[in-house]
């Protein structure tokens, strides 16, 4: 599993927004938007996942205020994620990992054996700085547990402050 201090695995995957626009996204090409918050969730339109993404939506002013960019990531198709973004009025983009390459690279796959659902993302959050380094990681083995949103915001703010001091 990816940990604090590791270089975030680079990836390219479809990204969608509330308007249904789908385009290719490569992490390394977007490090100028750092700190980047990668919020992994098991599946769109499920209870806790919807609550989590809506909480990020409701706190976007805080993330925008510190210059952080938030992306939600799940194994859903870009078309499903576009509908999910529209139905929930999400104000950040969602990344589709239908091939499970991203969750495999980050080492955060989980199964719901009793439901016959395999290789979905654990609920996890990583903050990546402008150098591509993971500066914060939170991973839950319990899909019913949400991240500490204040801790994520503080980690993103800290990554932004560190980047600004390095640039000075």
N, C-alpha and C. Protein backbone atom coordinates (compact mmCIF):
# COMPACT_ATOMS: atom_id res chain seq x y z
N UNK A 1 0.84 -1.18 0.00
CA UNK A 1 0.00 0.00 0.00
C UNK A 1 0.89 1.24 0.00
N UNK A 2 0.43 2.27 -0.69
CA UNK A 2 1.14 3.54 -0.75
C UNK A 2 1.07 4.21 0.62
N UNK A 3 2.18 4.78 1.06
CA UNK A 3 2.25 5.42 2.37
C UNK A 3 2.80 6.83 2.26
N UNK A 4 2.69 7.58 3.34
CA UNK A 4 3.25 8.92 3.39
C UNK A 4 4.75 8.84 3.09
N UNK A 5 5.22 9.74 2.23
CA UNK A 5 6.62 9.77 1.83
C UNK A 5 6.87 9.08 0.51
N UNK A 6 5.94 8.22 0.08
CA UNK A 6 6.07 7.54 -1.22
C UNK A 6 5.72 8.50 -2.35
N UNK A 7 6.24 8.23 -3.51
CA UNK A 7 5.79 8.93 -4.71
C UNK A 7 4.46 8.30 -5.11
N UNK A 8 3.47 9.14 -5.34
CA UNK A 8 2.15 8.63 -5.73
C UNK A 8 2.27 7.93 -7.08
N UNK A 9 1.67 6.75 -7.21
CA UNK A 9 1.70 6.08 -8.51
C UNK A 9 1.04 6.97 -9.57
N UNK A 10 1.71 7.12 -10.68
CA UNK A 10 1.11 7.91 -11.76
C UNK A 10 0.04 7.06 -12.44
N UNK A 11 -0.96 7.72 -12.96
CA UNK A 11 -2.02 6.99 -13.65
C UNK A 11 -2.68 7.90 -14.68
N UNK A 12 -3.30 7.26 -15.63
CA UNK A 12 -4.12 7.94 -16.63
C UNK A 12 -5.46 7.21 -16.65
N UNK A 13 -6.55 7.98 -16.55
CA UNK A 13 -7.88 7.40 -16.51
C UNK A 13 -8.91 8.44 -16.95
N UNK A 14 -10.11 8.01 -17.29
CA UNK A 14 -11.15 8.96 -17.65
C UNK A 14 -11.61 9.78 -16.44
N UNK A 15 -11.79 11.07 -16.68
CA UNK A 15 -12.27 11.99 -15.64
C UNK A 15 -13.56 12.62 -16.15
N UNK A 16 -14.53 12.75 -15.27
CA UNK A 16 -15.80 13.35 -15.65
C UNK A 16 -16.18 14.44 -14.66
N UNK A 17 -17.12 15.28 -15.10
CA UNK A 17 -17.61 16.35 -14.24
C UNK A 17 -19.12 16.38 -14.25
N UNK A 18 -19.68 17.32 -13.54
CA UNK A 18 -21.13 17.43 -13.40
C UNK A 18 -21.82 17.68 -14.73
N UNK A 19 -21.10 18.25 -15.71
CA UNK A 19 -21.69 18.52 -17.02
C UNK A 19 -21.62 17.32 -17.95
N UNK A 20 -21.02 16.23 -17.49
CA UNK A 20 -20.93 15.04 -18.32
C UNK A 20 -19.75 15.05 -19.26
N UNK A 21 -18.89 16.04 -19.13
CA UNK A 21 -17.69 16.09 -19.98
C UNK A 21 -16.70 15.04 -19.48
N UNK A 22 -16.24 14.21 -20.39
CA UNK A 22 -15.29 13.15 -20.06
C UNK A 22 -14.01 13.40 -20.83
N UNK A 23 -12.90 13.39 -20.11
CA UNK A 23 -11.60 13.57 -20.76
C UNK A 23 -10.56 12.74 -20.03
N UNK A 24 -9.44 12.55 -20.68
CA UNK A 24 -8.35 11.79 -20.09
C UNK A 24 -7.66 12.63 -19.01
N UNK A 25 -7.34 12.00 -17.90
CA UNK A 25 -6.66 12.65 -16.79
C UNK A 25 -5.42 11.85 -16.46
N UNK A 26 -4.28 12.54 -16.36
CA UNK A 26 -3.03 11.91 -15.92
C UNK A 26 -2.55 12.67 -14.69
N UNK A 27 -2.32 11.94 -13.61
CA UNK A 27 -1.94 12.59 -12.35
C UNK A 27 -0.72 13.47 -12.53
N UNK A 28 0.35 12.95 -13.12
CA UNK A 28 1.60 13.71 -13.24
C UNK A 28 1.44 14.98 -14.06
N UNK A 29 0.47 15.02 -14.96
CA UNK A 29 0.22 16.23 -15.76
C UNK A 29 -0.57 17.28 -15.00
N UNK A 30 -1.06 16.93 -13.82
CA UNK A 30 -1.91 17.84 -13.05
C UNK A 30 -1.32 18.20 -11.70
N UNK A 31 -0.04 17.96 -11.50
CA UNK A 31 0.58 18.28 -10.20
C UNK A 31 0.64 19.78 -9.94
N UNK A 32 0.49 20.59 -10.98
CA UNK A 32 0.42 22.04 -10.79
C UNK A 32 -0.82 22.43 -9.98
N UNK A 33 -1.80 21.55 -9.93
CA UNK A 33 -3.03 21.81 -9.17
C UNK A 33 -2.91 21.34 -7.73
N UNK A 34 -1.72 20.91 -7.33
CA UNK A 34 -1.50 20.38 -5.98
C UNK A 34 -1.60 21.49 -4.94
N UNK A 35 -1.93 21.10 -3.73
CA UNK A 35 -2.11 19.73 -3.30
C UNK A 35 -3.35 19.10 -3.91
N UNK A 36 -3.22 17.82 -4.22
CA UNK A 36 -4.32 17.07 -4.81
C UNK A 36 -4.83 16.07 -3.77
N UNK A 37 -6.13 16.09 -3.57
CA UNK A 37 -6.79 15.16 -2.66
C UNK A 37 -7.44 14.08 -3.52
N UNK A 38 -6.98 12.85 -3.35
CA UNK A 38 -7.57 11.71 -4.05
C UNK A 38 -8.45 10.96 -3.05
N UNK A 39 -9.77 11.06 -3.23
CA UNK A 39 -10.73 10.45 -2.32
C UNK A 39 -11.33 9.21 -3.00
N UNK A 40 -10.84 8.04 -2.62
CA UNK A 40 -11.32 6.79 -3.18
C UNK A 40 -12.59 6.35 -2.45
N UNK A 41 -13.56 5.84 -3.21
CA UNK A 41 -14.78 5.32 -2.60
C UNK A 41 -15.22 4.07 -3.36
N UNK A 42 -15.89 3.13 -2.67
CA UNK A 42 -16.23 1.85 -3.31
C UNK A 42 -17.17 1.95 -4.51
N UNK A 43 -18.26 2.72 -4.41
CA UNK A 43 -19.22 2.71 -5.51
C UNK A 43 -20.17 3.90 -5.44
N UNK A 44 -20.44 4.46 -6.59
CA UNK A 44 -21.40 5.57 -6.69
C UNK A 44 -22.81 5.09 -6.32
N UNK A 45 -23.60 6.02 -5.85
CA UNK A 45 -25.01 5.79 -5.52
C UNK A 45 -25.24 4.86 -4.34
N UNK A 46 -24.23 4.63 -3.53
CA UNK A 46 -24.41 3.88 -2.29
C UNK A 46 -24.41 4.87 -1.14
N UNK A 47 -25.00 4.48 -0.02
CA UNK A 47 -25.25 5.40 1.08
C UNK A 47 -24.04 6.16 1.59
N UNK A 48 -23.05 5.46 2.11
CA UNK A 48 -21.90 6.12 2.72
C UNK A 48 -21.08 6.85 1.67
N UNK A 49 -20.97 6.27 0.48
CA UNK A 49 -20.20 6.91 -0.59
C UNK A 49 -20.85 8.23 -1.00
N UNK A 50 -22.16 8.24 -1.10
CA UNK A 50 -22.87 9.47 -1.44
C UNK A 50 -22.67 10.51 -0.34
N UNK A 51 -22.78 10.09 0.90
CA UNK A 51 -22.57 11.01 2.02
C UNK A 51 -21.16 11.59 1.98
N UNK A 52 -20.17 10.73 1.74
CA UNK A 52 -18.78 11.20 1.70
C UNK A 52 -18.56 12.21 0.58
N UNK A 53 -19.00 11.89 -0.62
CA UNK A 53 -18.77 12.81 -1.74
C UNK A 53 -19.55 14.12 -1.54
N UNK A 54 -20.73 14.04 -0.94
CA UNK A 54 -21.50 15.27 -0.66
C UNK A 54 -20.85 16.10 0.45
N UNK A 55 -20.19 15.45 1.38
CA UNK A 55 -19.46 16.19 2.41
C UNK A 55 -18.28 16.92 1.79
N UNK A 56 -17.55 16.26 0.91
CA UNK A 56 -16.47 16.96 0.19
C UNK A 56 -17.06 18.14 -0.59
N UNK A 57 -18.20 17.92 -1.25
CA UNK A 57 -18.86 19.00 -2.00
C UNK A 57 -19.14 20.19 -1.07
N UNK A 58 -19.69 19.90 0.09
CA UNK A 58 -20.07 20.96 1.02
C UNK A 58 -18.87 21.68 1.62
N UNK A 59 -17.71 21.04 1.59
CA UNK A 59 -16.50 21.64 2.15
C UNK A 59 -15.53 22.15 1.08
N UNK A 60 -15.98 22.19 -0.18
CA UNK A 60 -15.08 22.61 -1.26
C UNK A 60 -14.54 24.02 -1.09
N UNK A 61 -15.31 24.91 -0.51
CA UNK A 61 -14.80 26.27 -0.29
C UNK A 61 -13.54 26.23 0.57
N UNK A 62 -13.50 25.34 1.55
CA UNK A 62 -12.31 25.21 2.39
C UNK A 62 -11.12 24.73 1.58
N UNK A 63 -11.34 23.73 0.70
CA UNK A 63 -10.26 23.20 -0.12
C UNK A 63 -9.83 24.22 -1.17
N UNK A 64 -10.79 24.90 -1.78
CA UNK A 64 -10.46 25.95 -2.74
C UNK A 64 -9.65 27.06 -2.07
N UNK A 65 -10.00 27.37 -0.85
CA UNK A 65 -9.33 28.44 -0.10
C UNK A 65 -7.86 28.17 0.16
N UNK A 66 -7.49 26.90 0.20
CA UNK A 66 -6.08 26.57 0.43
C UNK A 66 -5.40 26.11 -0.87
N UNK A 67 -6.11 26.22 -1.98
CA UNK A 67 -5.52 25.87 -3.27
C UNK A 67 -5.47 24.39 -3.57
N UNK A 68 -6.27 23.60 -2.86
CA UNK A 68 -6.28 22.15 -3.08
C UNK A 68 -7.30 21.77 -4.14
N UNK A 69 -7.00 20.70 -4.86
CA UNK A 69 -7.89 20.15 -5.86
C UNK A 69 -8.33 18.76 -5.40
N UNK A 70 -9.63 18.53 -5.39
CA UNK A 70 -10.20 17.27 -4.93
C UNK A 70 -10.69 16.46 -6.13
N UNK A 71 -10.40 15.16 -6.10
CA UNK A 71 -10.93 14.22 -7.08
C UNK A 71 -11.48 13.01 -6.34
N UNK A 72 -12.68 12.59 -6.70
CA UNK A 72 -13.22 11.33 -6.22
C UNK A 72 -12.83 10.24 -7.21
N UNK A 73 -12.56 9.04 -6.70
CA UNK A 73 -12.15 7.93 -7.57
C UNK A 73 -12.91 6.67 -7.17
N UNK A 74 -13.54 6.03 -8.15
CA UNK A 74 -14.18 4.73 -7.91
C UNK A 74 -14.06 3.88 -9.16
N UNK A 75 -14.50 2.63 -9.06
CA UNK A 75 -14.43 1.71 -10.20
C UNK A 75 -15.61 1.88 -11.16
N UNK A 76 -16.50 2.81 -10.88
CA UNK A 76 -17.66 3.03 -11.74
C UNK A 76 -17.23 3.59 -13.09
N UNK A 77 -18.07 3.39 -14.11
CA UNK A 77 -17.78 3.94 -15.43
C UNK A 77 -17.87 5.46 -15.39
N UNK A 78 -17.22 6.14 -16.34
CA UNK A 78 -17.33 7.60 -16.37
C UNK A 78 -18.77 8.07 -16.56
N UNK A 79 -19.59 7.28 -17.24
CA UNK A 79 -20.98 7.66 -17.47
C UNK A 79 -21.78 7.59 -16.17
N UNK A 80 -21.53 6.55 -15.38
CA UNK A 80 -22.17 6.44 -14.07
C UNK A 80 -21.72 7.59 -13.17
N UNK A 81 -20.42 7.87 -13.18
CA UNK A 81 -19.89 8.93 -12.34
C UNK A 81 -20.43 10.30 -12.76
N UNK A 82 -20.62 10.50 -14.04
CA UNK A 82 -21.20 11.76 -14.51
C UNK A 82 -22.62 11.93 -13.96
N UNK A 83 -23.40 10.88 -14.01
CA UNK A 83 -24.77 10.91 -13.47
C UNK A 83 -24.73 11.12 -11.96
N UNK A 84 -23.81 10.44 -11.28
CA UNK A 84 -23.64 10.59 -9.83
C UNK A 84 -23.30 12.03 -9.49
N UNK A 85 -22.39 12.63 -10.25
CA UNK A 85 -22.00 14.03 -10.02
C UNK A 85 -23.19 14.96 -10.23
N UNK A 86 -23.95 14.71 -11.29
CA UNK A 86 -25.11 15.57 -11.57
C UNK A 86 -26.19 15.43 -10.50
N UNK A 87 -26.52 14.21 -10.13
CA UNK A 87 -27.59 13.97 -9.14
C UNK A 87 -27.24 14.56 -7.78
N UNK A 88 -25.95 14.63 -7.47
CA UNK A 88 -25.52 15.11 -6.16
C UNK A 88 -24.90 16.50 -6.22
N UNK A 89 -24.98 17.13 -7.37
CA UNK A 89 -24.47 18.49 -7.56
C UNK A 89 -23.02 18.62 -7.08
N UNK A 90 -22.20 17.64 -7.45
CA UNK A 90 -20.80 17.64 -7.02
C UNK A 90 -20.03 18.73 -7.76
N UNK A 91 -19.19 19.42 -7.03
CA UNK A 91 -18.43 20.55 -7.57
C UNK A 91 -16.95 20.22 -7.70
N UNK A 92 -16.65 18.97 -7.93
CA UNK A 92 -15.29 18.51 -8.20
C UNK A 92 -15.41 17.32 -9.14
N UNK A 93 -14.31 16.98 -9.80
CA UNK A 93 -14.32 15.94 -10.81
C UNK A 93 -14.16 14.55 -10.20
N UNK A 94 -14.64 13.57 -10.96
CA UNK A 94 -14.57 12.17 -10.55
C UNK A 94 -13.78 11.39 -11.58
N UNK A 95 -12.96 10.46 -11.10
CA UNK A 95 -12.09 9.66 -11.95
C UNK A 95 -12.58 8.21 -11.94
N UNK A 96 -12.69 7.65 -13.15
CA UNK A 96 -13.18 6.29 -13.32
C UNK A 96 -12.01 5.31 -13.40
N UNK A 97 -12.03 4.32 -12.52
CA UNK A 97 -10.99 3.30 -12.49
C UNK A 97 -11.59 1.92 -12.80
N UNK A 98 -12.32 1.84 -13.91
CA UNK A 98 -13.00 0.58 -14.24
C UNK A 98 -12.03 -0.58 -14.41
N UNK A 99 -10.81 -0.30 -14.82
CA UNK A 99 -9.81 -1.37 -14.98
C UNK A 99 -9.10 -1.73 -13.68
N UNK A 100 -9.40 -0.97 -12.64
CA UNK A 100 -8.82 -1.19 -11.30
C UNK A 100 -7.32 -0.98 -11.25
N UNK A 101 -6.76 -0.28 -12.21
CA UNK A 101 -5.33 -0.02 -12.24
C UNK A 101 -4.90 0.92 -11.12
N UNK A 102 -5.72 1.91 -10.82
CA UNK A 102 -5.35 2.89 -9.79
C UNK A 102 -5.43 2.27 -8.41
N UNK A 103 -6.54 1.58 -8.12
CA UNK A 103 -6.65 0.99 -6.78
C UNK A 103 -5.59 -0.10 -6.58
N UNK A 104 -5.24 -0.81 -7.65
CA UNK A 104 -4.16 -1.80 -7.54
C UNK A 104 -2.82 -1.10 -7.26
N UNK A 105 -2.55 -0.01 -7.98
CA UNK A 105 -1.29 0.71 -7.78
C UNK A 105 -1.18 1.29 -6.37
N UNK A 106 -2.30 1.74 -5.82
CA UNK A 106 -2.30 2.30 -4.47
C UNK A 106 -2.42 1.21 -3.40
N UNK A 107 -2.75 -0.01 -3.82
CA UNK A 107 -2.85 -1.14 -2.88
C UNK A 107 -4.04 -1.05 -1.96
N UNK A 108 -5.17 -0.62 -2.48
CA UNK A 108 -6.34 -0.42 -1.62
C UNK A 108 -7.58 -1.17 -2.11
N UNK A 109 -7.38 -2.37 -2.65
CA UNK A 109 -8.53 -3.12 -3.10
C UNK A 109 -9.18 -3.87 -1.95
N UNK A 110 -10.49 -4.06 -2.09
CA UNK A 110 -11.23 -4.85 -1.10
C UNK A 110 -12.35 -5.61 -1.80
N UNK A 111 -12.85 -6.64 -1.13
CA UNK A 111 -13.93 -7.46 -1.66
C UNK A 111 -15.12 -7.44 -0.71
N UNK A 112 -16.28 -7.58 -1.27
CA UNK A 112 -17.50 -7.83 -0.51
C UNK A 112 -17.92 -9.25 -0.86
N UNK A 113 -17.23 -10.23 -0.24
CA UNK A 113 -17.43 -11.64 -0.58
C UNK A 113 -18.90 -12.05 -0.48
N UNK A 114 -19.56 -11.61 0.58
CA UNK A 114 -20.95 -12.02 0.79
C UNK A 114 -21.89 -11.50 -0.29
N UNK A 115 -21.47 -10.46 -1.00
CA UNK A 115 -22.28 -9.90 -2.08
C UNK A 115 -21.80 -10.33 -3.46
N UNK A 116 -20.66 -11.01 -3.49
CA UNK A 116 -20.08 -11.40 -4.77
C UNK A 116 -19.49 -10.23 -5.54
N UNK A 117 -19.06 -9.21 -4.81
CA UNK A 117 -18.46 -8.01 -5.42
C UNK A 117 -16.99 -7.99 -5.04
N UNK A 118 -16.13 -7.93 -6.05
CA UNK A 118 -14.71 -8.06 -5.80
C UNK A 118 -13.91 -6.92 -6.40
N UNK A 119 -12.79 -6.64 -5.75
CA UNK A 119 -11.80 -5.69 -6.23
C UNK A 119 -12.36 -4.28 -6.46
N UNK A 120 -12.98 -3.77 -5.41
CA UNK A 120 -13.41 -2.37 -5.40
C UNK A 120 -12.45 -1.59 -4.51
N UNK A 121 -12.56 -0.28 -4.55
CA UNK A 121 -11.66 0.56 -3.74
C UNK A 121 -12.10 0.56 -2.29
N UNK A 122 -11.13 0.45 -1.40
CA UNK A 122 -11.41 0.76 0.00
C UNK A 122 -11.68 2.25 0.08
N UNK A 123 -12.39 2.66 1.11
CA UNK A 123 -12.55 4.09 1.33
C UNK A 123 -11.19 4.59 1.80
N UNK A 124 -10.61 5.51 1.04
CA UNK A 124 -9.25 5.97 1.32
C UNK A 124 -9.08 7.40 0.81
N UNK A 125 -8.17 8.12 1.45
CA UNK A 125 -7.85 9.48 1.01
C UNK A 125 -6.33 9.63 1.04
N UNK A 126 -5.80 10.17 -0.06
CA UNK A 126 -4.38 10.48 -0.16
C UNK A 126 -4.26 11.95 -0.56
N UNK A 127 -3.31 12.65 0.05
CA UNK A 127 -2.97 14.01 -0.37
C UNK A 127 -1.61 13.92 -1.05
N UNK A 128 -1.54 14.49 -2.26
CA UNK A 128 -0.33 14.45 -3.07
C UNK A 128 0.15 15.89 -3.28
N UNK A 129 1.43 16.14 -3.01
CA UNK A 129 1.96 17.50 -3.19
C UNK A 129 2.44 17.71 -4.62
N UNK A 130 2.95 18.90 -4.89
CA UNK A 130 3.36 19.27 -6.25
C UNK A 130 4.54 18.45 -6.77
N UNK A 131 5.28 17.81 -5.87
CA UNK A 131 6.38 16.94 -6.28
C UNK A 131 5.92 15.51 -6.54
N UNK A 132 4.61 15.25 -6.34
CA UNK A 132 4.08 13.91 -6.53
C UNK A 132 4.22 13.03 -5.31
N UNK A 133 4.62 13.62 -4.19
CA UNK A 133 4.82 12.85 -2.95
C UNK A 133 3.51 12.77 -2.17
N UNK A 134 3.24 11.61 -1.62
CA UNK A 134 2.08 11.43 -0.75
C UNK A 134 2.43 12.03 0.61
N UNK A 135 1.65 13.03 1.03
CA UNK A 135 1.91 13.70 2.31
C UNK A 135 0.89 13.34 3.37
N UNK A 136 -0.14 12.63 2.97
CA UNK A 136 -1.19 12.18 3.92
C UNK A 136 -1.84 10.95 3.33
N UNK A 137 -2.13 9.98 4.19
CA UNK A 137 -2.88 8.81 3.76
C UNK A 137 -3.79 8.36 4.88
N UNK A 138 -4.99 8.00 4.48
CA UNK A 138 -5.98 7.43 5.39
C UNK A 138 -6.69 6.33 4.61
N UNK A 139 -6.69 5.13 5.16
CA UNK A 139 -7.32 3.99 4.51
C UNK A 139 -8.13 3.24 5.55
N UNK A 140 -9.39 2.93 5.21
CA UNK A 140 -10.26 2.21 6.13
C UNK A 140 -10.57 0.82 5.60
N UNK A 141 -10.47 -0.16 6.49
CA UNK A 141 -10.90 -1.51 6.14
C UNK A 141 -12.41 -1.66 6.30
N UNK A 142 -13.05 -0.66 6.90
CA UNK A 142 -14.49 -0.66 7.12
C UNK A 142 -15.12 0.35 6.17
N UNK A 143 -15.85 -0.11 5.15
CA UNK A 143 -16.42 0.82 4.17
C UNK A 143 -17.49 1.74 4.75
N UNK A 144 -17.92 1.47 5.96
CA UNK A 144 -18.92 2.32 6.61
C UNK A 144 -18.33 3.50 7.34
N UNK A 145 -17.01 3.59 7.39
CA UNK A 145 -16.34 4.67 8.12
C UNK A 145 -15.91 5.75 7.12
N UNK A 146 -16.27 6.99 7.44
CA UNK A 146 -15.87 8.13 6.61
C UNK A 146 -14.55 8.70 7.11
N UNK A 147 -13.84 9.40 6.22
CA UNK A 147 -12.58 10.02 6.66
C UNK A 147 -12.84 11.20 7.60
N UNK A 148 -11.80 11.60 8.30
CA UNK A 148 -11.85 12.81 9.12
C UNK A 148 -11.59 13.98 8.16
N UNK A 149 -12.67 14.65 7.77
CA UNK A 149 -12.57 15.70 6.75
C UNK A 149 -11.69 16.85 7.20
N UNK A 150 -11.73 17.18 8.49
CA UNK A 150 -10.87 18.25 9.00
C UNK A 150 -9.40 17.86 8.88
N UNK A 151 -9.09 16.60 9.16
CA UNK A 151 -7.70 16.13 9.04
C UNK A 151 -7.24 16.18 7.59
N UNK A 152 -8.12 15.84 6.66
CA UNK A 152 -7.78 15.90 5.23
C UNK A 152 -7.50 17.35 4.84
N UNK A 153 -8.37 18.25 5.27
CA UNK A 153 -8.17 19.67 4.96
C UNK A 153 -6.86 20.19 5.55
N UNK A 154 -6.58 19.82 6.80
CA UNK A 154 -5.32 20.26 7.43
C UNK A 154 -4.11 19.71 6.69
N UNK A 155 -4.20 18.46 6.26
CA UNK A 155 -3.08 17.85 5.52
C UNK A 155 -2.87 18.55 4.18
N UNK A 156 -3.96 18.88 3.50
CA UNK A 156 -3.84 19.60 2.23
C UNK A 156 -3.27 20.99 2.45
N UNK A 157 -3.71 21.65 3.51
CA UNK A 157 -3.20 22.98 3.84
C UNK A 157 -1.71 22.93 4.15
N UNK A 158 -1.32 21.92 4.91
CA UNK A 158 0.10 21.76 5.25
C UNK A 158 0.94 21.52 4.00
N UNK A 159 0.43 20.70 3.08
CA UNK A 159 1.15 20.44 1.82
C UNK A 159 1.29 21.72 1.02
N UNK A 160 0.27 22.57 1.02
CA UNK A 160 0.31 23.83 0.30
C UNK A 160 1.32 24.79 0.93
N UNK A 161 1.32 24.88 2.26
CA UNK A 161 2.26 25.75 2.98
C UNK A 161 3.70 25.31 2.73
N UNK A 162 3.95 23.99 2.78
CA UNK A 162 5.29 23.48 2.53
C UNK A 162 5.75 23.79 1.10
N UNK A 163 4.84 23.67 0.15
CA UNK A 163 5.17 23.95 -1.24
C UNK A 163 5.50 25.43 -1.41
N UNK A 164 4.74 26.29 -0.74
CA UNK A 164 4.97 27.74 -0.85
C UNK A 164 6.32 28.10 -0.22
N UNK A 165 6.67 27.48 0.91
CA UNK A 165 7.94 27.81 1.55
C UNK A 165 9.12 27.30 0.74
N UNK A 166 8.95 26.16 0.04
CA UNK A 166 10.02 25.64 -0.81
C UNK A 166 10.23 26.55 -2.03
N UNK A 167 9.14 27.14 -2.51
CA UNK A 167 9.23 28.00 -3.68
C UNK A 167 9.85 29.35 -3.35
N UNK A 168 9.76 29.75 -2.09
CA UNK A 168 10.27 31.07 -1.68
C UNK A 168 11.76 31.13 -1.55
